[in-house]
PDB file of N, CA and C in Angstrom:
ATOM      1  N   UNK A   1       0.849  -1.177   0.000  1.00  0.00           N
ATOM      2  CA  UNK A   1       0.000   0.000   0.000  1.00  0.00           C
ATOM      3  C   UNK A   1       0.894   1.238   0.000  1.00  0.00           C
ATOM      4  N   UNK A   2       0.744   2.101  -1.042  1.00  0.00           N
ATOM      5  CA  UNK A   2       1.610   3.283  -1.108  1.00  0.00           C
ATOM      6  C   UNK A   2       1.242   4.298  -0.042  1.00  0.00           C
ATOM      7  N   UNK A   3       2.230   5.029   0.375  1.00  0.00           N
ATOM      8  CA  UNK A   3       2.045   6.042   1.397  1.00  0.00           C
ATOM      9  C   UNK A   3       1.682   7.356   0.709  1.00  0.00           C
ATOM     10  N   UNK A   4       0.405   7.796   0.811  1.00  0.00           N
ATOM     11  CA  UNK A   4      -0.073   9.011   0.163  1.00  0.00           C
ATOM     12  C   UNK A   4       0.032  10.232   1.057  1.00  0.00           C
ATOM     13  N   UNK A   5       0.429  10.026   2.272  1.00  0.00           N
ATOM     14  CA  UNK A   5       0.524  11.148   3.197  1.00  0.00           C
ATOM     15  C   UNK A   5       1.821  11.907   2.955  1.00  0.00           C
ATOM     16  N   UNK A   6       1.688  13.228   2.855  1.00  0.00           N
ATOM     17  CA  UNK A   6       2.870  14.072   2.703  1.00  0.00           C
ATOM     18  C   UNK A   6       3.392  14.455   4.076  1.00  0.00           C
ATOM     19  N   UNK A   7       4.668  14.667   4.129  1.00  0.00           N
ATOM     20  CA  UNK A   7       5.238  15.114   5.391  1.00  0.00           C
ATOM     21  C   UNK A   7       4.938  16.600   5.552  1.00  0.00           C
ATOM     22  N   UNK A   8       5.097  17.092   6.747  1.00  0.00           N
ATOM     23  CA  UNK A   8       4.797  18.496   7.052  1.00  0.00           C
ATOM     24  C   UNK A   8       5.591  19.453   6.168  1.00  0.00           C
ATOM     25  N   UNK A   9       6.907  19.252   5.954  1.00  0.00           N
ATOM     26  CA  UNK A   9       7.641  20.170   5.068  1.00  0.00           C
ATOM     27  C   UNK A   9       7.107  20.135   3.629  1.00  0.00           C
ATOM     28  N   UNK A  10       6.719  18.947   3.141  1.00  0.00           N
ATOM     29  CA  UNK A  10       6.179  18.843   1.786  1.00  0.00           C
ATOM     30  C   UNK A  10       4.834  19.565   1.680  1.00  0.00           C
ATOM     31  N   UNK A  11       4.021  19.440   2.703  1.00  0.00           N
ATOM     32  CA  UNK A  11       2.731  20.129   2.708  1.00  0.00           C
ATOM     33  C   UNK A  11       2.925  21.643   2.741  1.00  0.00           C
ATOM     34  N   UNK A  12       3.875  22.077   3.558  1.00  0.00           N
ATOM     35  CA  UNK A  12       4.151  23.520   3.629  1.00  0.00           C
ATOM     36  C   UNK A  12       4.667  24.035   2.289  1.00  0.00           C
ATOM     37  N   UNK A  13       5.481  23.245   1.617  1.00  0.00           N
ATOM     38  CA  UNK A  13       6.001  23.628   0.297  1.00  0.00           C
ATOM     39  C   UNK A  13       4.852  23.735  -0.714  1.00  0.00           C
ATOM     40  N   UNK A  14       3.931  22.793  -0.672  1.00  0.00           N
ATOM     41  CA  UNK A  14       2.762  22.845  -1.572  1.00  0.00           C
ATOM     42  C   UNK A  14       1.901  24.062  -1.263  1.00  0.00           C
ATOM     43  N   UNK A  15       1.702  24.354   0.003  1.00  0.00           N
ATOM     44  CA  UNK A  15       0.908  25.518   0.400  1.00  0.00           C
ATOM     45  C   UNK A  15       1.579  26.799  -0.099  1.00  0.00           C
ATOM     46  N   UNK A  16       2.884  26.894   0.084  1.00  0.00           N
ATOM     47  CA  UNK A  16       3.620  28.067  -0.394  1.00  0.00           C
ATOM     48  C   UNK A  16       3.495  28.222  -1.914  1.00  0.00           C
ATOM     49  N   UNK A  17       3.608  27.113  -2.641  1.00  0.00           N
ATOM     50  CA  UNK A  17       3.478  27.145  -4.096  1.00  0.00           C
ATOM     51  C   UNK A  17       2.063  27.598  -4.497  1.00  0.00           C
ATOM     52  N   UNK A  18       1.051  27.085  -3.842  1.00  0.00           N
ATOM     53  CA  UNK A  18      -0.325  27.477  -4.146  1.00  0.00           C
ATOM     54  C   UNK A  18      -0.576  28.948  -3.811  1.00  0.00           C
ATOM     55  N   UNK A  19      -0.036  29.408  -2.707  1.00  0.00           N
ATOM     56  CA  UNK A  19      -0.184  30.819  -2.340  1.00  0.00           C
ATOM     57  C   UNK A  19       0.510  31.717  -3.370  1.00  0.00           C
ATOM     58  N   UNK A  20       1.657  31.278  -3.848  1.00  0.00           N
ATOM     59  CA  UNK A  20       2.392  32.037  -4.859  1.00  0.00           C
ATOM     60  C   UNK A  20       1.586  32.101  -6.155  1.00  0.00           C
ATOM     61  N   UNK A  21       1.039  30.980  -6.569  1.00  0.00           N
ATOM     62  CA  UNK A  21       0.220  30.951  -7.784  1.00  0.00           C
ATOM     63  C   UNK A  21      -1.034  31.821  -7.624  1.00  0.00           C
ATOM     64  N   UNK A  22      -1.651  31.758  -6.473  1.00  0.00           N
ATOM     65  CA  UNK A  22      -2.843  32.561  -6.218  1.00  0.00           C
ATOM     66  C   UNK A  22      -2.516  34.055  -6.292  1.00  0.00           C
ATOM     67  N   UNK A  23      -1.404  34.448  -5.704  1.00  0.00           N
ATOM     68  CA  UNK A  23      -0.997  35.860  -5.749  1.00  0.00           C
ATOM     69  C   UNK A  23      -0.748  36.291  -7.191  1.00  0.00           C
ATOM     70  N   UNK A  24      -0.103  35.426  -7.972  1.00  0.00           N
ATOM     71  CA  UNK A  24       0.149  35.732  -9.378  1.00  0.00           C
ATOM     72  C   UNK A  24      -1.168  35.885 -10.139  1.00  0.00           C
ATOM     73  N   UNK A  25      -2.109  34.969  -9.908  1.00  0.00           N
ATOM     74  CA  UNK A  25      -3.399  35.030 -10.586  1.00  0.00           C
ATOM     75  C   UNK A  25      -4.189  36.277 -10.183  1.00  0.00           C
ATOM     76  N   UNK A  26      -4.142  36.634  -8.908  1.00  0.00           N
ATOM     77  CA  UNK A  26      -4.837  37.848  -8.463  1.00  0.00           C
ATOM     78  C   UNK A  26      -4.241  39.083  -9.139  1.00  0.00           C
ATOM     79  N   UNK A  27      -2.925  39.121  -9.255  1.00  0.00           N
ATOM     80  CA  UNK A  27      -2.253  40.236  -9.925  1.00  0.00           C
ATOM     81  C   UNK A  27      -2.660  40.294 -11.399  1.00  0.00           C
ATOM     82  N   UNK A  28      -2.710  39.131 -12.040  1.00  0.00           N
ATOM     83  CA  UNK A  28      -3.113  39.065 -13.441  1.00  0.00           C
ATOM     84  C   UNK A  28      -4.544  39.555 -13.621  1.00  0.00           C
ATOM     85  N   UNK A  29      -5.435  39.147 -12.753  1.00  0.00           N
ATOM     86  CA  UNK A  29      -6.836  39.581 -12.831  1.00  0.00           C
ATOM     87  C   UNK A  29      -6.927  41.094 -12.645  1.00  0.00           C
ATOM     88  N   UNK A  30      -6.182  41.640 -11.707  1.00  0.00           N
ATOM     89  CA  UNK A  30      -6.182  43.093 -11.497  1.00  0.00           C
ATOM     90  C   UNK A  30      -5.671  43.830 -12.733  1.00  0.00           C
ATOM     91  N   UNK A  31      -4.598  43.321 -13.335  1.00  0.00           N
ATOM     92  CA  UNK A  31      -4.053  43.937 -14.550  1.00  0.00           C
ATOM     93  C   UNK A  31      -5.062  43.889 -15.689  1.00  0.00           C
ATOM     94  N   UNK A  32      -5.690  42.734 -15.873  1.00  0.00           N
ATOM     95  CA  UNK A  32      -6.680  42.591 -16.942  1.00  0.00           C
ATOM     96  C   UNK A  32      -7.894  43.482 -16.694  1.00  0.00           C
ATOM     97  N   UNK A  33      -8.292  43.610 -15.453  1.00  0.00           N
ATOM     98  CA  UNK A  33      -9.420  44.479 -15.116  1.00  0.00           C
ATOM     99  C   UNK A  33      -9.102  45.934 -15.452  1.00  0.00           C
ATOM    100  N   UNK A  34      -7.893  46.365 -15.149  1.00  0.00           N
ATOM    101  CA  UNK A  34      -7.476  47.732 -15.480  1.00  0.00           C
ATOM    102  C   UNK A  34      -7.469  47.955 -16.984  1.00  0.00           C
ATOM    103  N   UNK A  35      -6.943  46.992 -17.724  1.00  0.00           N
ATOM    104  CA  UNK A  35      -6.919  47.093 -19.186  1.00  0.00           C
ATOM    105  C   UNK A  35      -8.340  47.142 -19.749  1.00  0.00           C
ATOM    106  N   UNK A  36      -9.205  46.309 -19.224  1.00  0.00           N
ATOM    107  CA  UNK A  36     -10.584  46.277 -19.694  1.00  0.00           C
ATOM    108  C   UNK A  36     -11.285  47.601 -19.421  1.00  0.00           C
ATOM    109  N   UNK A  37     -11.054  48.187 -18.276  1.00  0.00           N
ATOM    110  CA  UNK A  37     -11.661  49.477 -17.950  1.00  0.00           C
ATOM    111  C   UNK A  37     -11.161  50.557 -18.905  1.00  0.00           C
ATOM    112  N   UNK A  38      -9.868  50.545 -19.206  1.00  0.00           N
ATOM    113  CA  UNK A  38      -9.295  51.535 -20.130  1.00  0.00           C
ATOM    114  C   UNK A  38      -9.848  51.347 -21.538  1.00  0.00           C
ATOM    115  N   UNK A  39      -9.912  50.098 -22.001  1.00  0.00           N
ATOM    116  CA  UNK A  39     -10.452  49.831 -23.334  1.00  0.00           C
ATOM    117  C   UNK A  39     -11.928  50.199 -23.422  1.00  0.00           C
ATOM    118  N   UNK A  40     -12.654  49.979 -22.361  1.00  0.00           N
ATOM    119  CA  UNK A  40     -14.070  50.339 -22.338  1.00  0.00           C
ATOM    120  C   UNK A  40     -14.240  51.846 -22.474  1.00  0.00           C
ATOM    121  N   UNK A  41     -13.402  52.597 -21.780  1.00  0.00           N
ATOM    122  CA  UNK A  41     -13.452  54.055 -21.868  1.00  0.00           C
ATOM    123  C   UNK A  41     -13.089  54.516 -23.287  1.00  0.00           C
ATOM    124  N   UNK A  42     -12.063  53.930 -23.876  1.00  0.00           N
ATOM    125  CA  UNK A  42     -11.670  54.289 -25.236  1.00  0.00           C
ATOM    126  C   UNK A  42     -12.774  53.946 -26.231  1.00  0.00           C
ATOM    127  N   UNK A  43     -13.417  52.802 -26.034  1.00  0.00           N
ATOM    128  CA  UNK A  43     -14.511  52.401 -26.913  1.00  0.00           C
ATOM    129  C   UNK A  43     -15.667  53.393 -26.818  1.00  0.00           C
ATOM    130  N   UNK A  44     -15.981  53.831 -25.621  1.00  0.00           N
ATOM    131  CA  UNK A  44     -17.066  54.797 -25.434  1.00  0.00           C
ATOM    132  C   UNK A  44     -16.746  56.104 -26.148  1.00  0.00           C
ATOM    133  N   UNK A  45     -15.511  56.582 -26.027  1.00  0.00           N
ATOM    134  CA  UNK A  45     -15.105  57.809 -26.715  1.00  0.00           C
ATOM    135  C   UNK A  45     -15.175  57.644 -28.232  1.00  0.00           C
ATOM    136  N   UNK A  46     -14.718  56.506 -28.732  1.00  0.00           N
ATOM    137  CA  UNK A  46     -14.747  56.262 -30.173  1.00  0.00           C
ATOM    138  C   UNK A  46     -16.190  56.176 -30.675  1.00  0.00           C
ATOM    139  N   UNK A  47     -17.048  55.568 -29.896  1.00  0.00           N
ATOM    140  CA  UNK A  47     -18.458  55.462 -30.276  1.00  0.00           C
ATOM    141  C   UNK A  47     -19.105  56.844 -30.349  1.00  0.00           C
ATOM    142  N   UNK A  48     -18.814  57.691 -29.371  1.00  0.00           N
ATOM    143  CA  UNK A  48     -19.357  59.054 -29.384  1.00  0.00           C
ATOM    144  C   UNK A  48     -18.851  59.831 -30.599  1.00  0.00           C
ATOM    145  N   UNK A  49     -17.563  59.685 -30.901  1.00  0.00           N
ATOM    146  CA  UNK A  49     -16.988  60.387 -32.048  1.00  0.00           C
ATOM    147  C   UNK A  49     -17.648  59.915 -33.342  1.00  0.00           C
ATOM    148  N   UNK A  50     -17.882  58.623 -33.457  1.00  0.00           N
ATOM    149  CA  UNK A  50     -18.514  58.102 -34.654  1.00  0.00           C
ATOM    150  C   UNK A  50     -19.958  58.594 -34.772  1.00  0.00           C
ATOM    151  N   UNK A  51     -20.661  58.673 -33.666  1.00  0.00           N
ATOM    152  CA  UNK A  51     -22.026  59.190 -33.695  1.00  0.00           C
ATOM    153  C   UNK A  51     -22.037  60.654 -34.143  1.00  0.00           C
ATOM    154  N   UNK A  52     -21.086  61.435 -33.651  1.00  0.00           N
ATOM    155  CA  UNK A  52     -21.004  62.841 -34.052  1.00  0.00           C
ATOM    156  C   UNK A  52     -20.695  62.962 -35.545  1.00  0.00           C
ATOM    157  N   UNK A  53     -19.778  62.132 -36.034  1.00  0.00           N
ATOM    158  CA  UNK A  53     -19.454  62.162 -37.459  1.00  0.00           C
ATOM    159  C   UNK A  53     -20.667  61.766 -38.293  1.00  0.00           C
ATOM    160  N   UNK A  54     -21.405  60.783 -37.831  1.00  0.00           N
ATOM    161  CA  UNK A  54     -22.608  60.344 -38.548  1.00  0.00           C
ATOM    162  C   UNK A  54     -23.633  61.476 -38.615  1.00  0.00           C
ATOM    163  N   UNK A  55     -23.814  62.178 -37.502  1.00  0.00           N
ATOM    164  CA  UNK A  55     -24.751  63.302 -37.487  1.00  0.00           C
ATOM    165  C   UNK A  55     -24.310  64.395 -38.454  1.00  0.00           C
ATOM    166  N   UNK A  56     -23.014  64.691 -38.481  1.00  0.00           N
ATOM    167  CA  UNK A  56     -22.519  65.731 -39.391  1.00  0.00           C
ATOM    168  C   UNK A  56     -22.700  65.317 -40.847  1.00  0.00           C
ATOM    169  N   UNK A  57     -22.456  64.042 -41.146  1.00  0.00           N
ATOM    170  CA  UNK A  57     -22.649  63.571 -42.510  1.00  0.00           C
ATOM    171  C   UNK A  57     -24.120  63.660 -42.918  1.00  0.00           C
ATOM    172  N   UNK A  58     -25.014  63.333 -41.992  1.00  0.00           N
ATOM    173  CA  UNK A  58     -26.438  63.452 -42.296  1.00  0.00           C
ATOM    174  C   UNK A  58     -26.818  64.901 -42.544  1.00  0.00           C
ATOM    175  N   UNK A  59     -26.266  65.823 -41.750  1.00  0.00           N
ATOM    176  CA  UNK A  59     -26.550  67.240 -41.939  1.00  0.00           C
ATOM    177  C   UNK A  59     -26.018  67.708 -43.293  1.00  0.00           C
ATOM    178  N   UNK A  60     -24.824  67.274 -43.643  1.00  0.00           N
ATOM    179  CA  UNK A  60     -24.236  67.664 -44.926  1.00  0.00           C
ATOM    180  C   UNK A  60     -25.057  67.098 -46.077  1.00  0.00           C
ATOM    181  N   UNK A  61     -25.530  65.884 -45.927  1.00  0.00           N
ATOM    182  CA  UNK A  61     -26.315  65.256 -46.983  1.00  0.00           C
ATOM    183  C   UNK A  61     -27.676  65.894 -47.122  1.00  0.00           C
ATOM    184  N   UNK A  62     -28.221  66.424 -46.044  1.00  0.00           N
ATOM    185  CA  UNK A  62     -29.547  67.022 -46.069  1.00  0.00           C
ATOM    186  C   UNK A  62     -29.584  68.321 -46.841  1.00  0.00           C
ATOM    187  N   UNK A  63     -28.580  69.148 -46.693  1.00  0.00           N
ATOM    188  CA  UNK A  63     -28.565  70.432 -47.403  1.00  0.00           C
ATOM    189  C   UNK A  63     -27.539  70.432 -48.537  1.00  0.00           C
ATOM    190  N   UNK A  64     -26.965  69.288 -48.823  1.00  0.00           N
ATOM    191  CA  UNK A  64     -25.957  69.085 -49.866  1.00  0.00           C
ATOM    192  C   UNK A  64     -24.677  69.860 -49.605  1.00  0.00           C
ATOM    193  N   UNK A  65     -24.664  70.817 -48.731  1.00  0.00           N
ATOM    194  CA  UNK A  65     -23.467  71.532 -48.289  1.00  0.00           C
ATOM    195  C   UNK A  65     -22.558  71.936 -49.445  1.00  0.00           C
ATOM    196  N   UNK A  66     -23.161  72.325 -50.557  1.00  0.00           N
ATOM    197  CA  UNK A  66     -22.354  72.787 -51.680  1.00  0.00           C
ATOM    198  C   UNK A  66     -21.711  71.678 -52.484  1.00  0.00           C
ATOM    199  N   UNK A  67     -22.067  70.444 -52.222  1.00  0.00           N
ATOM    200  CA  UNK A  67     -21.479  69.329 -52.958  1.00  0.00           C
ATOM    201  C   UNK A  67     -22.340  69.070 -54.189  1.00  0.00           C
ATOM    202  N   UNK A  68     -21.711  69.075 -55.350  1.00  0.00           N
ATOM    203  CA  UNK A  68     -22.431  68.844 -56.596  1.00  0.00           C
ATOM    204  C   UNK A  68     -22.267  67.403 -57.038  1.00  0.00           C
ATOM    205  N   UNK A  69     -23.210  66.984 -57.854  1.00  0.00           N
ATOM    206  CA  UNK A  69     -23.120  65.665 -58.457  1.00  0.00           C
ATOM    207  C   UNK A  69     -21.982  65.691 -59.475  1.00  0.00           C
ATOM    208  N   UNK A  70     -21.064  64.729 -59.452  1.00  0.00           N
ATOM    209  CA  UNK A  70     -19.933  64.739 -60.388  1.00  0.00           C
ATOM    210  C   UNK A  70     -20.379  64.771 -61.852  1.00  0.00           C
ATOM    211  N   UNK A  71     -21.530  64.214 -62.169  1.00  0.00           N
ATOM    212  CA  UNK A  71     -22.009  64.230 -63.551  1.00  0.00           C
ATOM    213  C   UNK A  71     -22.386  65.635 -63.989  1.00  0.00           C
ATOM    214  N   UNK A  72     -22.731  66.495 -63.049  1.00  0.00           N
ATOM    215  CA  UNK A  72     -23.120  67.870 -63.369  1.00  0.00           C
ATOM    216  C   UNK A  72     -21.925  68.812 -63.479  1.00  0.00           C
ATOM    217  N   UNK A  73     -20.767  68.369 -63.094  1.00  0.00           N
ATOM    218  CA  UNK A  73     -19.572  69.207 -63.121  1.00  0.00           C
ATOM    219  C   UNK A  73     -19.065  69.359 -64.558  1.00  0.00           C
ATOM    220  N   UNK A  74     -18.535  70.529 -64.866  1.00  0.00           N
ATOM    221  CA  UNK A  74     -17.897  70.724 -66.168  1.00  0.00           C
ATOM    222  C   UNK A  74     -16.522  70.080 -66.133  1.00  0.00           C
ATOM    223  N   UNK A  75     -16.061  69.560 -67.230  1.00  0.00           N
ATOM    224  CA  UNK A  75     -14.744  68.911 -67.231  1.00  0.00           C
ATOM    225  C   UNK A  75     -13.649  69.941 -66.995  1.00  0.00           C
ATOM    226  N   UNK A  76     -12.543  69.515 -66.413  1.00  0.00           N
ATOM    227  CA  UNK A  76     -11.425  70.427 -66.180  1.00  0.00           C
ATOM    228  C   UNK A  76     -10.879  70.949 -67.503  1.00  0.00           C
ATOM    229  N   UNK A  77     -10.159  72.080 -67.481  1.00  0.00           N
ATOM    230  CA  UNK A  77      -9.690  72.722 -68.720  1.00  0.00           C
ATOM    231  C   UNK A  77      -8.734  71.878 -69.550  1.00  0.00           C
ATOM    232  N   UNK A  78      -8.068  70.906 -68.981  1.00  0.00           N
ATOM    233  CA  UNK A  78      -7.094  70.146 -69.750  1.00  0.00           C
ATOM    234  C   UNK A  78      -7.722  69.050 -70.616  1.00  0.00           C
ATOM    235  N   UNK A  79      -9.074  68.942 -70.618  1.00  0.00           N
ATOM    236  CA  UNK A  79      -9.728  67.961 -71.489  1.00  0.00           C
ATOM    237  C   UNK A  79     -10.074  68.550 -72.804  1.00  0.00           C
TER     238      UNK A  79
END
């Protein structure tokens, strides 16, 4: 029958290793959480900017903003 019981020093070594891994994982989670918060903020800013650009394009399209149809333009002088 094999002896599955660990000695006290072996158990303490395993506990230390697990505590070290846990600390590393907690640090990783904190780092990822910070990155996610920053990316979320950047995404929100980009979304707002895109909405503003969309509104401006709609306004320009509504009154044509001086933009002519290319077919209505006279050809340049070098033609």
